[in-house]
Amino acid sequence: QVQLVESGGGSVQPGGSLRLSCAASGIAFTYYDMAWYRQGSGNERELVAVISSGGRINYADSVKGRFTIFRDFALRTVYLQMNSLKPEDTAVYYCNAARLGQRPYWGQGTQVTVSS
């Protein structure tokens, strides 16, 4: 029943921008913290940005000032606006939905590649 569908990934040059989307279904969206994680080749999966059910936002230091996370409750969608992209941002980006005390849900991931 639960589905997180990501879109918006692709290839871009350094300094470019992309917007990722994650459409959620099968969960009480308003009660979930929504987050974006990423995993580069050979690296551990890391938290990029999170927006809580109450609107609190946190970013990884590496993306602060460049990325913006926001959510649309009507569309049940969370977004990640990525600006000033760097090669080190290259990774598979995963949408995550979490509720305290429950196992989180994950999307399938979308590839972001930043190269000249």
PDB file of N, CA and C in Angstrom:
ATOM      1  N   GLN A   1       0.817  -1.214   0.000  1.00  0.00           N
ATOM      2  CA  GLN A   1       0.000   0.000   0.000  1.00  0.00           C
ATOM      3  C   GLN A   1       0.854   1.269   0.000  1.00  0.00           C
ATOM      4  N   VAL A   2       1.984   1.239   0.702  1.00  0.00           N
ATOM      5  CA  VAL A   2       2.837   2.418   0.800  1.00  0.00           C
ATOM      6  C   VAL A   2       3.671   2.548  -0.465  1.00  0.00           C
ATOM      7  N   GLN A   3       3.715   3.756  -0.989  1.00  0.00           N
ATOM      8  CA  GLN A   3       4.481   4.016  -2.196  1.00  0.00           C
ATOM      9  C   GLN A   3       5.105   5.403  -2.127  1.00  0.00           C
ATOM     10  N   LEU A   4       6.404   5.469  -2.352  1.00  0.00           N
ATOM     11  CA  LEU A   4       7.129   6.722  -2.479  1.00  0.00           C
ATOM     12  C   LEU A   4       7.739   6.742  -3.870  1.00  0.00           C
ATOM     13  N   VAL A   5       7.294   7.654  -4.709  1.00  0.00           N
ATOM     14  CA  VAL A   5       7.711   7.709  -6.098  1.00  0.00           C
ATOM     15  C   VAL A   5       8.549   8.957  -6.322  1.00  0.00           C
ATOM     16  N   GLU A   6       9.820   8.749  -6.633  1.00  0.00           N
ATOM     17  CA  GLU A   6      10.750   9.843  -6.849  1.00  0.00           C
ATOM     18  C   GLU A   6      10.855  10.187  -8.325  1.00  0.00           C
ATOM     19  N   SER A   7      11.127  11.451  -8.602  1.00  0.00           N
ATOM     20  CA  SER A   7      11.344  11.903  -9.960  1.00  0.00           C
ATOM     21  C   SER A   7      12.224  13.146  -9.931  1.00  0.00           C
ATOM     22  N   GLY A   8      12.763  13.506 -11.077  1.00  0.00           N
ATOM     23  CA  GLY A   8      13.535  14.731 -11.213  1.00  0.00           C
ATOM     24  C   GLY A   8      15.035  14.556 -11.299  1.00  0.00           C
ATOM     25  N   GLY A   9      15.521  13.343 -11.141  1.00  0.00           N
ATOM     26  CA  GLY A   9      16.945  13.116 -11.254  1.00  0.00           C
ATOM     27  C   GLY A   9      17.424  13.252 -12.685  1.00  0.00           C
ATOM     28  N   GLY A  10      18.734  13.305 -12.841  1.00  0.00           N
ATOM     29  CA  GLY A  10      19.315  13.435 -14.161  1.00  0.00           C
ATOM     30  C   GLY A  10      20.753  13.875 -14.086  1.00  0.00           C
ATOM     31  N   SER A  11      21.272  14.315 -15.217  1.00  0.00           N
ATOM     32  CA  SER A  11      22.649  14.788 -15.325  1.00  0.00           C
ATOM     33  C   SER A  11      22.673  16.292 -15.512  1.00  0.00           C
ATOM     34  N   VAL A  12      23.623  16.936 -14.848  1.00  0.00           N
ATOM     35  CA  VAL A  12      23.739  18.384 -14.906  1.00  0.00           C
ATOM     36  C   VAL A  12      25.200  18.778 -14.746  1.00  0.00           C
ATOM     37  N   GLN A  13      25.564  19.927 -15.281  1.00  0.00           N
ATOM     38  CA  GLN A  13      26.915  20.441 -15.129  1.00  0.00           C
ATOM     39  C   GLN A  13      27.107  21.077 -13.754  1.00  0.00           C
ATOM     40  N   PRO A  14      28.341  21.146 -13.266  1.00  0.00           N
ATOM     41  CA  PRO A  14      28.582  21.855 -12.017  1.00  0.00           C
ATOM     42  C   PRO A  14      28.021  23.273 -12.062  1.00  0.00           C
ATOM     43  N   GLY A  15      27.399  23.672 -10.966  1.00  0.00           N
ATOM     44  CA  GLY A  15      26.746  24.962 -10.896  1.00  0.00           C
ATOM     45  C   GLY A  15      25.294  24.946 -11.317  1.00  0.00           C
ATOM     46  N   GLY A  16      24.841  23.847 -11.881  1.00  0.00           N
ATOM     47  CA  GLY A  16      23.474  23.732 -12.334  1.00  0.00           C
ATOM     48  C   GLY A  16      22.509  23.398 -11.216  1.00  0.00           C
ATOM     49  N   SER A  17      21.241  23.222 -11.585  1.00  0.00           N
ATOM     50  CA  SER A  17      20.179  22.981 -10.618  1.00  0.00           C
ATOM     51  C   SER A  17      19.295  21.827 -11.053  1.00  0.00           C
ATOM     52  N   LEU A  18      18.725  21.154 -10.068  1.00  0.00           N
ATOM     53  CA  LEU A  18      17.723  20.128 -10.274  1.00  0.00           C
ATOM     54  C   LEU A  18      16.710  20.208  -9.142  1.00  0.00           C
ATOM     55  N   ARG A  19      15.496  19.775  -9.423  1.00  0.00           N
ATOM     56  CA  ARG A  19      14.493  19.653  -8.381  1.00  0.00           C
ATOM     57  C   ARG A  19      13.985  18.221  -8.348  1.00  0.00           C
ATOM     58  N   LEU A  20      14.138  17.585  -7.196  1.00  0.00           N
ATOM     59  CA  LEU A  20      13.642  16.241  -6.994  1.00  0.00           C
ATOM     60  C   LEU A  20      12.261  16.287  -6.349  1.00  0.00           C
ATOM     61  N   SER A  21      11.413  15.347  -6.732  1.00  0.00           N
ATOM     62  CA  SER A  21      10.081  15.236  -6.165  1.00  0.00           C
ATOM     63  C   SER A  21       9.874  13.831  -5.624  1.00  0.00           C
ATOM     64  N   CYS A  22       9.096  13.726  -4.571  1.00  0.00           N
ATOM     65  CA  CYS A  22       8.725  12.441  -3.992  1.00  0.00           C
ATOM     66  C   CYS A  22       7.249  12.486  -3.645  1.00  0.00           C
ATOM     67  N   ALA A  23       6.458  11.729  -4.373  1.00  0.00           N
ATOM     68  CA  ALA A  23       5.024  11.659  -4.141  1.00  0.00           C
ATOM     69  C   ALA A  23       4.714  10.456  -3.262  1.00  0.00           C
ATOM     70  N   ALA A  24       4.023  10.695  -2.158  1.00  0.00           N
ATOM     71  CA  ALA A  24       3.739   9.659  -1.174  1.00  0.00           C
ATOM     72  C   ALA A  24       2.277   9.239  -1.236  1.00  0.00           C
ATOM     73  N   SER A  25       2.056   7.950  -1.089  1.00  0.00           N
ATOM     74  CA  SER A  25       0.706   7.415  -0.984  1.00  0.00           C
ATOM     75  C   SER A  25       0.710   6.248  -0.002  1.00  0.00           C
ATOM     76  N   GLY A  26      -0.436   5.990   0.601  1.00  0.00           N
ATOM     77  CA  GLY A  26      -0.557   4.873   1.519  1.00  0.00           C
ATOM     78  C   GLY A  26      -0.118   5.166   2.943  1.00  0.00           C
ATOM     79  N   ILE A  27       0.234   6.411   3.243  1.00  0.00           N
ATOM     80  CA  ILE A  27       0.604   6.805   4.593  1.00  0.00           C
ATOM     81  C   ILE A  27      -0.162   8.060   4.980  1.00  0.00           C
ATOM     82  N   ALA A  28      -0.249   8.288   6.281  1.00  0.00           N
ATOM     83  CA  ALA A  28      -0.818   9.541   6.778  1.00  0.00           C
ATOM     84  C   ALA A  28       0.253  10.612   6.659  1.00  0.00           C
ATOM     85  N   PHE A  29       0.332  11.195   5.483  1.00  0.00           N
ATOM     86  CA  PHE A  29       1.440  12.066   5.113  1.00  0.00           C
ATOM     87  C   PHE A  29       1.692  13.169   6.132  1.00  0.00           C
ATOM     88  N   THR A  30       0.638  13.755   6.663  1.00  0.00           N
ATOM     89  CA  THR A  30       0.784  14.892   7.560  1.00  0.00           C
ATOM     90  C   THR A  30       1.500  14.529   8.857  1.00  0.00           C
ATOM     91  N   TYR A  31       1.510  13.259   9.234  1.00  0.00           N
ATOM     92  CA  TYR A  31       2.124  12.833  10.485  1.00  0.00           C
ATOM     93  C   TYR A  31       3.561  12.354  10.322  1.00  0.00           C
ATOM     94  N   TYR A  32       4.056  12.327   9.110  1.00  0.00           N
ATOM     95  CA  TYR A  32       5.377  11.778   8.840  1.00  0.00           C
ATOM     96  C   TYR A  32       6.428  12.861   8.646  1.00  0.00           C
ATOM     97  N   ASP A  33       7.610  12.595   9.200  1.00  0.00           N
ATOM     98  CA  ASP A  33       8.789  13.356   8.836  1.00  0.00           C
ATOM     99  C   ASP A  33       9.250  12.872   7.462  1.00  0.00           C
ATOM    100  N   MET A  34       9.569  13.810   6.583  1.00  0.00           N
ATOM    101  CA  MET A  34      10.007  13.472   5.236  1.00  0.00           C
ATOM    102  C   MET A  34      11.451  13.913   5.049  1.00  0.00           C
ATOM    103  N   ALA A  35      12.229  13.077   4.399  1.00  0.00           N
ATOM    104  CA  ALA A  35      13.649  13.354   4.268  1.00  0.00           C
ATOM    105  C   ALA A  35      14.184  12.878   2.930  1.00  0.00           C
ATOM    106  N   TRP A  36      15.309  13.458   2.560  1.00  0.00           N
ATOM    107  CA  TRP A  36      16.084  12.997   1.428  1.00  0.00           C
ATOM    108  C   TRP A  36      17.437  12.497   1.921  1.00  0.00           C
ATOM    109  N   TYR A  37      17.795  11.308   1.497  1.00  0.00           N
ATOM    110  CA  TYR A  37      19.101  10.724   1.729  1.00  0.00           C
ATOM    111  C   TYR A  37      19.800  10.552   0.390  1.00  0.00           C
ATOM    112  N   ARG A  38      21.095  10.345   0.445  1.00  0.00           N
ATOM    113  CA  ARG A  38      21.823  10.037  -0.777  1.00  0.00           C
ATOM    114  C   ARG A  38      22.945   9.050  -0.485  1.00  0.00           C
ATOM    115  N   GLN A  39      23.328   8.335  -1.512  1.00  0.00           N
ATOM    116  CA  GLN A  39      24.401   7.371  -1.397  1.00  0.00           C
ATOM    117  C   GLN A  39      25.240   7.407  -2.665  1.00  0.00           C
ATOM    118  N   GLY A  40      26.464   7.899  -2.539  1.00  0.00           N
ATOM    119  CA  GLY A  40      27.400   7.883  -3.644  1.00  0.00           C
ATOM    120  C   GLY A  40      28.077   6.533  -3.746  1.00  0.00           C
ATOM    121  N   SER A  41      28.701   6.290  -4.865  1.00  0.00           N
ATOM    122  CA  SER A  41      29.383   5.018  -5.093  1.00  0.00           C
ATOM    123  C   SER A  41      30.455   4.789  -4.026  1.00  0.00           C
ATOM    124  N   GLY A  42      30.363   3.671  -3.333  1.00  0.00           N
ATOM    125  CA  GLY A  42      31.333   3.331  -2.307  1.00  0.00           C
ATOM    126  C   GLY A  42      31.142   4.032  -0.984  1.00  0.00           C
ATOM    127  N   ASN A  43      30.106   4.835  -0.859  1.00  0.00           N
ATOM    128  CA  ASN A  43      29.851   5.591   0.367  1.00  0.00           C
ATOM    129  C   ASN A  43      28.629   5.054   1.109  1.00  0.00           C
ATOM    130  N   GLU A  44      28.540   5.444   2.379  1.00  0.00           N
ATOM    131  CA  GLU A  44      27.366   5.123   3.165  1.00  0.00           C
ATOM    132  C   GLU A  44      26.223   6.067   2.811  1.00  0.00           C
ATOM    133  N   ARG A  45      25.020   5.602   3.022  1.00  0.00           N
ATOM    134  CA  ARG A  45      23.862   6.451   2.819  1.00  0.00           C
ATOM    135  C   ARG A  45      23.844   7.533   3.895  1.00  0.00           C
ATOM    136  N   GLU A  46      23.685   8.785   3.474  1.00  0.00           N
ATOM    137  CA  GLU A  46      23.727   9.904   4.399  1.00  0.00           C
ATOM    138  C   GLU A  46      22.479  10.755   4.278  1.00  0.00           C
ATOM    139  N   LEU A  47      22.101  11.351   5.388  1.00  0.00           N
ATOM    140  CA  LEU A  47      20.971  12.268   5.408  1.00  0.00           C
ATOM    141  C   LEU A  47      21.366  13.582   4.756  1.00  0.00           C
ATOM    142  N   VAL A  48      20.555  14.034   3.810  1.00  0.00           N
ATOM    143  CA  VAL A  48      20.781  15.299   3.122  1.00  0.00           C
ATOM    144  C   VAL A  48      19.945  16.413   3.736  1.00  0.00           C
ATOM    145  N   ALA A  49      18.662  16.159   3.893  1.00  0.00           N
ATOM    146  CA  ALA A  49      17.743  17.156   4.426  1.00  0.00           C
ATOM    147  C   ALA A  49      16.513  16.461   4.974  1.00  0.00           C
ATOM    148  N   VAL A  50      15.915  17.053   5.995  1.00  0.00           N
ATOM    149  CA  VAL A  50      14.699  16.508   6.580  1.00  0.00           C
ATOM    150  C   VAL A  50      13.756  17.640   6.940  1.00  0.00           C
ATOM    151  N   ILE A  51      12.478  17.419   6.718  1.00  0.00           N
ATOM    152  CA  ILE A  51      11.441  18.339   7.160  1.00  0.00           C
ATOM    153  C   ILE A  51      10.452  17.529   7.981  1.00  0.00           C
ATOM    154  N   SER A  52      10.274  17.914   9.231  1.00  0.00           N
ATOM    155  CA  SER A  52       9.430  17.157  10.135  1.00  0.00           C
ATOM    156  C   SER A  52       7.962  17.425   9.870  1.00  0.00           C
ATOM    157  N   SER A  53       7.116  16.620  10.509  1.00  0.00           N
ATOM    158  CA  SER A  53       5.679  16.830  10.392  1.00  0.00           C
ATOM    159  C   SER A  53       5.263  18.200  10.910  1.00  0.00           C
ATOM    160  N   GLY A  54       6.050  18.758  11.839  1.00  0.00           N
ATOM    161  CA  GLY A  54       5.780  20.076  12.379  1.00  0.00           C
ATOM    162  C   GLY A  54       6.470  21.211  11.654  1.00  0.00           C
ATOM    163  N   GLY A  55       7.236  20.898  10.612  1.00  0.00           N
ATOM    164  CA  GLY A  55       7.863  21.929   9.804  1.00  0.00           C
ATOM    165  C   GLY A  55       9.310  22.239  10.135  1.00  0.00           C
ATOM    166  N   ARG A  56       9.888  21.542  11.100  1.00  0.00           N
ATOM    167  CA  ARG A  56      11.294  21.767  11.424  1.00  0.00           C
ATOM    168  C   ARG A  56      12.169  21.216  10.304  1.00  0.00           C
ATOM    169  N   ILE A  57      13.181  21.968   9.894  1.00  0.00           N
ATOM    170  CA  ILE A  57      14.043  21.612   8.781  1.00  0.00           C
ATOM    171  C   ILE A  57      15.493  21.558   9.230  1.00  0.00           C
ATOM    172  N   ASN A  58      16.197  20.537   8.790  1.00  0.00           N
ATOM    173  CA  ASN A  58      17.624  20.412   9.022  1.00  0.00           C
ATOM    174  C   ASN A  58      18.307  19.955   7.744  1.00  0.00           C
ATOM    175  N   TYR A  59      19.529  20.450   7.528  1.00  0.00           N
ATOM    176  CA  TYR A  59      20.321  20.098   6.365  1.00  0.00           C
ATOM    177  C   TYR A  59      21.680  19.574   6.782  1.00  0.00           C
ATOM    178  N   ALA A  60      22.226  18.711   5.951  1.00  0.00           N
ATOM    179  CA  ALA A  60      23.622  18.359   6.107  1.00  0.00           C
ATOM    180  C   ALA A  60      24.473  19.592   5.838  1.00  0.00           C
ATOM    181  N   ASP A  61      25.580  19.720   6.561  1.00  0.00           N
ATOM    182  CA  ASP A  61      26.445  20.882   6.378  1.00  0.00           C
ATOM    183  C   ASP A  61      26.919  21.018   4.928  1.00  0.00           C
ATOM    184  N   SER A  62      27.105  19.911   4.258  1.00  0.00           N
ATOM    185  CA  SER A  62      27.636  19.926   2.907  1.00  0.00           C
ATOM    186  C   SER A  62      26.677  20.540   1.885  1.00  0.00           C
ATOM    187  N   VAL A  63      25.394  20.623   2.214  1.00  0.00           N
ATOM    188  CA  VAL A  63      24.418  21.159   1.270  1.00  0.00           C
ATOM    189  C   VAL A  63      23.760  22.439   1.762  1.00  0.00           C
ATOM    190  N   LYS A  64      24.060  22.840   2.972  1.00  0.00           N
ATOM    191  CA  LYS A  64      23.438  24.022   3.557  1.00  0.00           C
ATOM    192  C   LYS A  64      23.729  25.257   2.703  1.00  0.00           C
ATOM    193  N   GLY A  65      22.693  26.008   2.410  1.00  0.00           N
ATOM    194  CA  GLY A  65      22.824  27.187   1.573  1.00  0.00           C
ATOM    195  C   GLY A  65      22.655  26.916   0.096  1.00  0.00           C
ATOM    196  N   ARG A  66      22.652  25.664  -0.297  1.00  0.00           N
ATOM    197  CA  ARG A  66      22.503  25.292  -1.703  1.00  0.00           C
ATOM    198  C   ARG A  66      21.213  24.524  -1.970  1.00  0.00           C
ATOM    199  N   PHE A  67      20.798  23.695  -1.020  1.00  0.00           N
ATOM    200  CA  PHE A  67      19.613  22.860  -1.179  1.00  0.00           C
ATOM    201  C   PHE A  67      18.477  23.387  -0.310  1.00  0.00           C
ATOM    202  N   THR A  68      17.253  23.165  -0.759  1.00  0.00           N
ATOM    203  CA  THR A  68      16.066  23.531  -0.007  1.00  0.00           C
ATOM    204  C   THR A  68      15.069  22.388  -0.042  1.00  0.00           C
ATOM    205  N   ILE A  69      14.582  21.993   1.125  1.00  0.00           N
ATOM    206  CA  ILE A  69      13.550  20.975   1.206  1.00  0.00           C
ATOM    207  C   ILE A  69      12.226  21.648   1.553  1.00  0.00           C
ATOM    208  N   PHE A  70      11.160  21.221   0.910  1.00  0.00           N
ATOM    209  CA  PHE A  70       9.839  21.722   1.233  1.00  0.00           C
ATOM    210  C   PHE A  70       8.805  20.666   0.873  1.00  0.00           C
ATOM    211  N   ARG A  71       7.618  20.801   1.453  1.00  0.00           N
ATOM    212  CA  ARG A  71       6.576  19.815   1.225  1.00  0.00           C
ATOM    213  C   ARG A  71       5.253  20.496   0.908  1.00  0.00           C
ATOM    214  N   ASP A  72       4.458  19.820   0.109  1.00  0.00           N
ATOM    215  CA  ASP A  72       3.132  20.270  -0.266  1.00  0.00           C
ATOM    216  C   ASP A  72       2.146  19.246   0.288  1.00  0.00           C
ATOM    217  N   PHE A  73       1.411  19.628   1.331  1.00  0.00           N
ATOM    218  CA  PHE A  73       0.502  18.693   1.975  1.00  0.00           C
ATOM    219  C   PHE A  73      -0.657  18.301   1.071  1.00  0.00           C
ATOM    220  N   ALA A  74      -1.131  19.235   0.255  1.00  0.00           N
ATOM    221  CA  ALA A  74      -2.248  18.936  -0.636  1.00  0.00           C
ATOM    222  C   ALA A  74      -1.858  17.899  -1.678  1.00  0.00           C
ATOM    223  N   LEU A  75      -0.639  18.011  -2.194  1.00  0.00           N
ATOM    224  CA  LEU A  75      -0.162  17.080  -3.209  1.00  0.00           C
ATOM    225  C   LEU A  75       0.539  15.874  -2.606  1.00  0.00           C
ATOM    226  N   ARG A  76       0.683  15.852  -1.289  1.00  0.00           N
ATOM    227  CA  ARG A  76       1.353  14.751  -0.595  1.00  0.00           C
ATOM    228  C   ARG A  76       2.737  14.495  -1.199  1.00  0.00           C
ATOM    229  N   THR A  77       3.462  15.570  -1.405  1.00  0.00           N
ATOM    230  CA  THR A  77       4.739  15.510  -2.087  1.00  0.00           C
ATOM    231  C   THR A  77       5.789  16.322  -1.336  1.00  0.00           C
ATOM    232  N   VAL A  78       6.993  15.777  -1.265  1.00  0.00           N
ATOM    233  CA  VAL A  78       8.131  16.493  -0.711  1.00  0.00           C
ATOM    234  C   VAL A  78       9.128  16.729  -1.837  1.00  0.00           C
ATOM    235  N   TYR A  79       9.784  17.891  -1.802  1.00  0.00           N
ATOM    236  CA  TYR A  79      10.690  18.299  -2.857  1.00  0.00           C
ATOM    237  C   TYR A  79      12.073  18.588  -2.285  1.00  0.00           C
ATOM    238  N   LEU A  80      13.064  18.464  -3.137  1.00  0.00           N
ATOM    239  CA  LEU A  80      14.413  18.900  -2.822  1.00  0.00           C
ATOM    240  C   LEU A  80      14.914  19.743  -3.983  1.00  0.00           C
ATOM    241  N   GLN A  81      14.995  21.047  -3.759  1.00  0.00           N
ATOM    242  CA  GLN A  81      15.550  21.956  -4.746  1.00  0.00           C
ATOM    243  C   GLN A  81      17.053  22.009  -4.551  1.00  0.00           C
ATOM    244  N   MET A  82      17.808  21.659  -5.577  1.00  0.00           N
ATOM    245  CA  MET A  82      19.250  21.583  -5.500  1.00  0.00           C
ATOM    246  C   MET A  82      19.853  22.607  -6.444  1.00  0.00           C
ATOM    247  N   ASN A  83      20.548  23.579  -5.887  1.00  0.00           N
ATOM    248  CA  ASN A  83      21.211  24.619  -6.652  1.00  0.00           C
ATOM    249  C   ASN A  83      22.718  24.540  -6.450  1.00  0.00           C
ATOM    250  N   SER A  84      23.446  25.189  -7.337  1.00  0.00           N
ATOM    251  CA  SER A  84      24.911  25.236  -7.255  1.00  0.00           C
ATOM    252  C   SER A  84      25.498  23.845  -7.069  1.00  0.00           C
ATOM    253  N   LEU A  85      25.056  22.929  -7.884  1.00  0.00           N
ATOM    254  CA  LEU A  85      25.455  21.535  -7.728  1.00  0.00           C
ATOM    255  C   LEU A  85      26.947  21.339  -7.981  1.00  0.00           C
ATOM    256  N   LYS A  86      27.516  20.422  -7.219  1.00  0.00           N
ATOM    257  CA  LYS A  86      28.927  20.096  -7.284  1.00  0.00           C
ATOM    258  C   LYS A  86      29.101  18.630  -7.657  1.00  0.00           C
ATOM    259  N   PRO A  87      30.252  18.270  -8.217  1.00  0.00           N
ATOM    260  CA  PRO A  87      30.480  16.850  -8.541  1.00  0.00           C
ATOM    261  C   PRO A  87      30.288  15.919  -7.345  1.00  0.00           C
ATOM    262  N   GLU A  88      30.630  16.371  -6.143  1.00  0.00           N
ATOM    263  CA  GLU A  88      30.472  15.537  -4.970  1.00  0.00           C
ATOM    264  C   GLU A  88      29.016  15.315  -4.570  1.00  0.00           C
ATOM    265  N   ASP A  89      28.091  16.022  -5.226  1.00  0.00           N
ATOM    266  CA  ASP A  89      26.673  15.765  -5.015  1.00  0.00           C
ATOM    267  C   ASP A  89      26.185  14.558  -5.805  1.00  0.00           C
ATOM    268  N   THR A  90      27.018  14.034  -6.681  1.00  0.00           N
ATOM    269  CA  THR A  90      26.650  12.872  -7.474  1.00  0.00           C
ATOM    270  C   THR A  90      26.337  11.694  -6.557  1.00  0.00           C
ATOM    271  N   ALA A  91      25.151  11.133  -6.708  1.00  0.00           N
ATOM    272  CA  ALA A  91      24.705  10.048  -5.840  1.00  0.00           C
ATOM    273  C   ALA A  91      23.328   9.588  -6.290  1.00  0.00           C
ATOM    274  N   VAL A  92      22.894   8.477  -5.723  1.00  0.00           N
ATOM    275  CA  VAL A  92      21.502   8.090  -5.811  1.00  0.00           C
ATOM    276  C   VAL A  92      20.779   8.730  -4.633  1.00  0.00           C
ATOM    277  N   TYR A  93      19.723   9.451  -4.919  1.00  0.00           N
ATOM    278  CA  TYR A  93      18.965  10.156  -3.895  1.00  0.00           C
ATOM    279  C   TYR A  93      17.696   9.379  -3.574  1.00  0.00           C
ATOM    280  N   TYR A  94      17.451   9.191  -2.278  1.00  0.00           N
ATOM    281  CA  TYR A  94      16.328   8.397  -1.805  1.00  0.00           C
ATOM    282  C   TYR A  94      15.375   9.234  -0.969  1.00  0.00           C
ATOM    283  N   CYS A  95      14.115   9.085  -1.230  1.00  0.00           N
ATOM    284  CA  CYS A  95      13.075   9.679  -0.410  1.00  0.00           C
ATOM    285  C   CYS A  95      12.791   8.773   0.782  1.00  0.00           C
ATOM    286  N   ASN A  96      12.554   9.385   1.940  1.00  0.00           N
ATOM    287  CA  ASN A  96      12.326   8.653   3.176  1.00  0.00           C
ATOM    288  C   ASN A  96      11.140   9.248   3.925  1.00  0.00           C
ATOM    289  N   ALA A  97      10.294   8.385   4.441  1.00  0.00           N
ATOM    290  CA  ALA A  97       9.169   8.795   5.278  1.00  0.00           C
ATOM    291  C   ALA A  97       9.279   8.088   6.605  1.00  0.00           C
ATOM    292  N   ALA A  98       9.290   8.854   7.699  1.00  0.00           N
ATOM    293  CA  ALA A  98       9.524   8.284   9.013  1.00  0.00           C
ATOM    294  C   ALA A  98       8.527   8.812  10.030  1.00  0.00           C
ATOM    295  N   ARG A  99       8.144   7.936  10.936  1.00  0.00           N
ATOM    296  CA  ARG A  99       7.279   8.288  12.046  1.00  0.00           C
ATOM    297  C   ARG A  99       7.873   7.662  13.299  1.00  0.00           C
ATOM    298  N   LEU A 100       7.964   8.430  14.369  1.00  0.00           N
ATOM    299  CA  LEU A 100       8.615   7.985  15.584  1.00  0.00           C
ATOM    300  C   LEU A 100       8.034   6.656  16.049  1.00  0.00           C
ATOM    301  N   GLY A 101       8.931   5.706  16.302  1.00  0.00           N
ATOM    302  CA  GLY A 101       8.530   4.405  16.803  1.00  0.00           C
ATOM    303  C   GLY A 101       8.147   3.405  15.736  1.00  0.00           C
ATOM    304  N   GLN A 102       8.198   3.803  14.468  1.00  0.00           N
ATOM    305  CA  GLN A 102       7.838   2.919  13.374  1.00  0.00           C
ATOM    306  C   GLN A 102       8.985   2.807  12.378  1.00  0.00           C
ATOM    307  N   ARG A 103       9.010   1.685  11.685  1.00  0.00           N
ATOM    308  CA  ARG A 103      10.018   1.492  10.662  1.00  0.00           C
ATOM    309  C   ARG A 103       9.755   2.441   9.500  1.00  0.00           C
ATOM    310  N   PRO A 104      10.804   3.099   8.988  1.00  0.00           N
ATOM    311  CA  PRO A 104      10.602   4.062   7.914  1.00  0.00           C
ATOM    312  C   PRO A 104      10.359   3.395   6.563  1.00  0.00           C
ATOM    313  N   TYR A 105       9.854   4.192   5.632  1.00  0.00           N
ATOM    314  CA  TYR A 105       9.650   3.761   4.257  1.00  0.00           C
ATOM    315  C   TYR A 105      10.642   4.453   3.341  1.00  0.00           C
ATOM    316  N   TRP A 106      10.987   3.782   2.254  1.00  0.00           N
ATOM    317  CA  TRP A 106      11.980   4.284   1.310  1.00  0.00           C
ATOM    318  C   TRP A 106      11.465   4.223  -0.117  1.00  0.00           C
ATOM    319  N   GLY A 107      11.862   5.222  -0.900  1.00  0.00           N
ATOM    320  CA  GLY A 107      11.653   5.147  -2.332  1.00  0.00           C
ATOM    321  C   GLY A 107      12.733   4.318  -2.991  1.00  0.00           C
ATOM    322  N   GLN A 108      12.603   4.118  -4.287  1.00  0.00           N
ATOM    323  CA  GLN A 108      13.566   3.307  -5.028  1.00  0.00           C
ATOM    324  C   GLN A 108      14.856   4.050  -5.333  1.00  0.00           C
ATOM    325  N   GLY A 109      14.835   5.360  -5.288  1.00  0.00           N
ATOM    326  CA  GLY A 109      16.008   6.167  -5.557  1.00  0.00           C
ATOM    327  C   GLY A 109      16.013   6.725  -6.961  1.00  0.00           C
ATOM    328  N   THR A 110      16.653   7.873  -7.115  1.00  0.00           N
ATOM    329  CA  THR A 110      16.819   8.501  -8.417  1.00  0.00           C
ATOM    330  C   THR A 110      18.250   9.017  -8.539  1.00  0.00           C
ATOM    331  N   GLN A 111      18.850   8.787  -9.686  1.00  0.00           N
ATOM    332  CA  GLN A 111      20.256   9.117  -9.895  1.00  0.00           C
ATOM    333  C   GLN A 111      20.428  10.594 -10.213  1.00  0.00           C
ATOM    334  N   VAL A 112      21.383  11.216  -9.529  1.00  0.00           N
ATOM    335  CA  VAL A 112      21.816  12.580  -9.826  1.00  0.00           C
ATOM    336  C   VAL A 112      23.294  12.532 -10.153  1.00  0.00           C
ATOM    337  N   THR A 113      23.653  13.029 -11.327  1.00  0.00           N
ATOM    338  CA  THR A 113      25.041  13.044 -11.758  1.00  0.00           C
ATOM    339  C   THR A 113      25.446  14.470 -12.101  1.00  0.00           C
ATOM    340  N   VAL A 114      26.519  14.938 -11.477  1.00  0.00           N
ATOM    341  CA  VAL A 114      27.026  16.286 -11.697  1.00  0.00           C
ATOM    342  C   VAL A 114      28.436  16.162 -12.267  1.00  0.00           C
ATOM    343  N   SER A 115      28.608  16.548 -13.518  1.00  0.00           N
ATOM    344  CA  SER A 115      29.905  16.429 -14.169  1.00  0.00           C
ATOM    345  C   SER A 115      30.015  17.423 -15.307  1.00  0.00           C
ATOM    346  N   SER A 116      31.265  17.734 -15.662  1.00  0.00           N
ATOM    347  CA  SER A 116      31.511  18.656 -16.754  1.00  0.00           C
ATOM    348  C   SER A 116      31.370  17.957 -18.090  1.00  0.00           C
TER     349      SER A 116
END
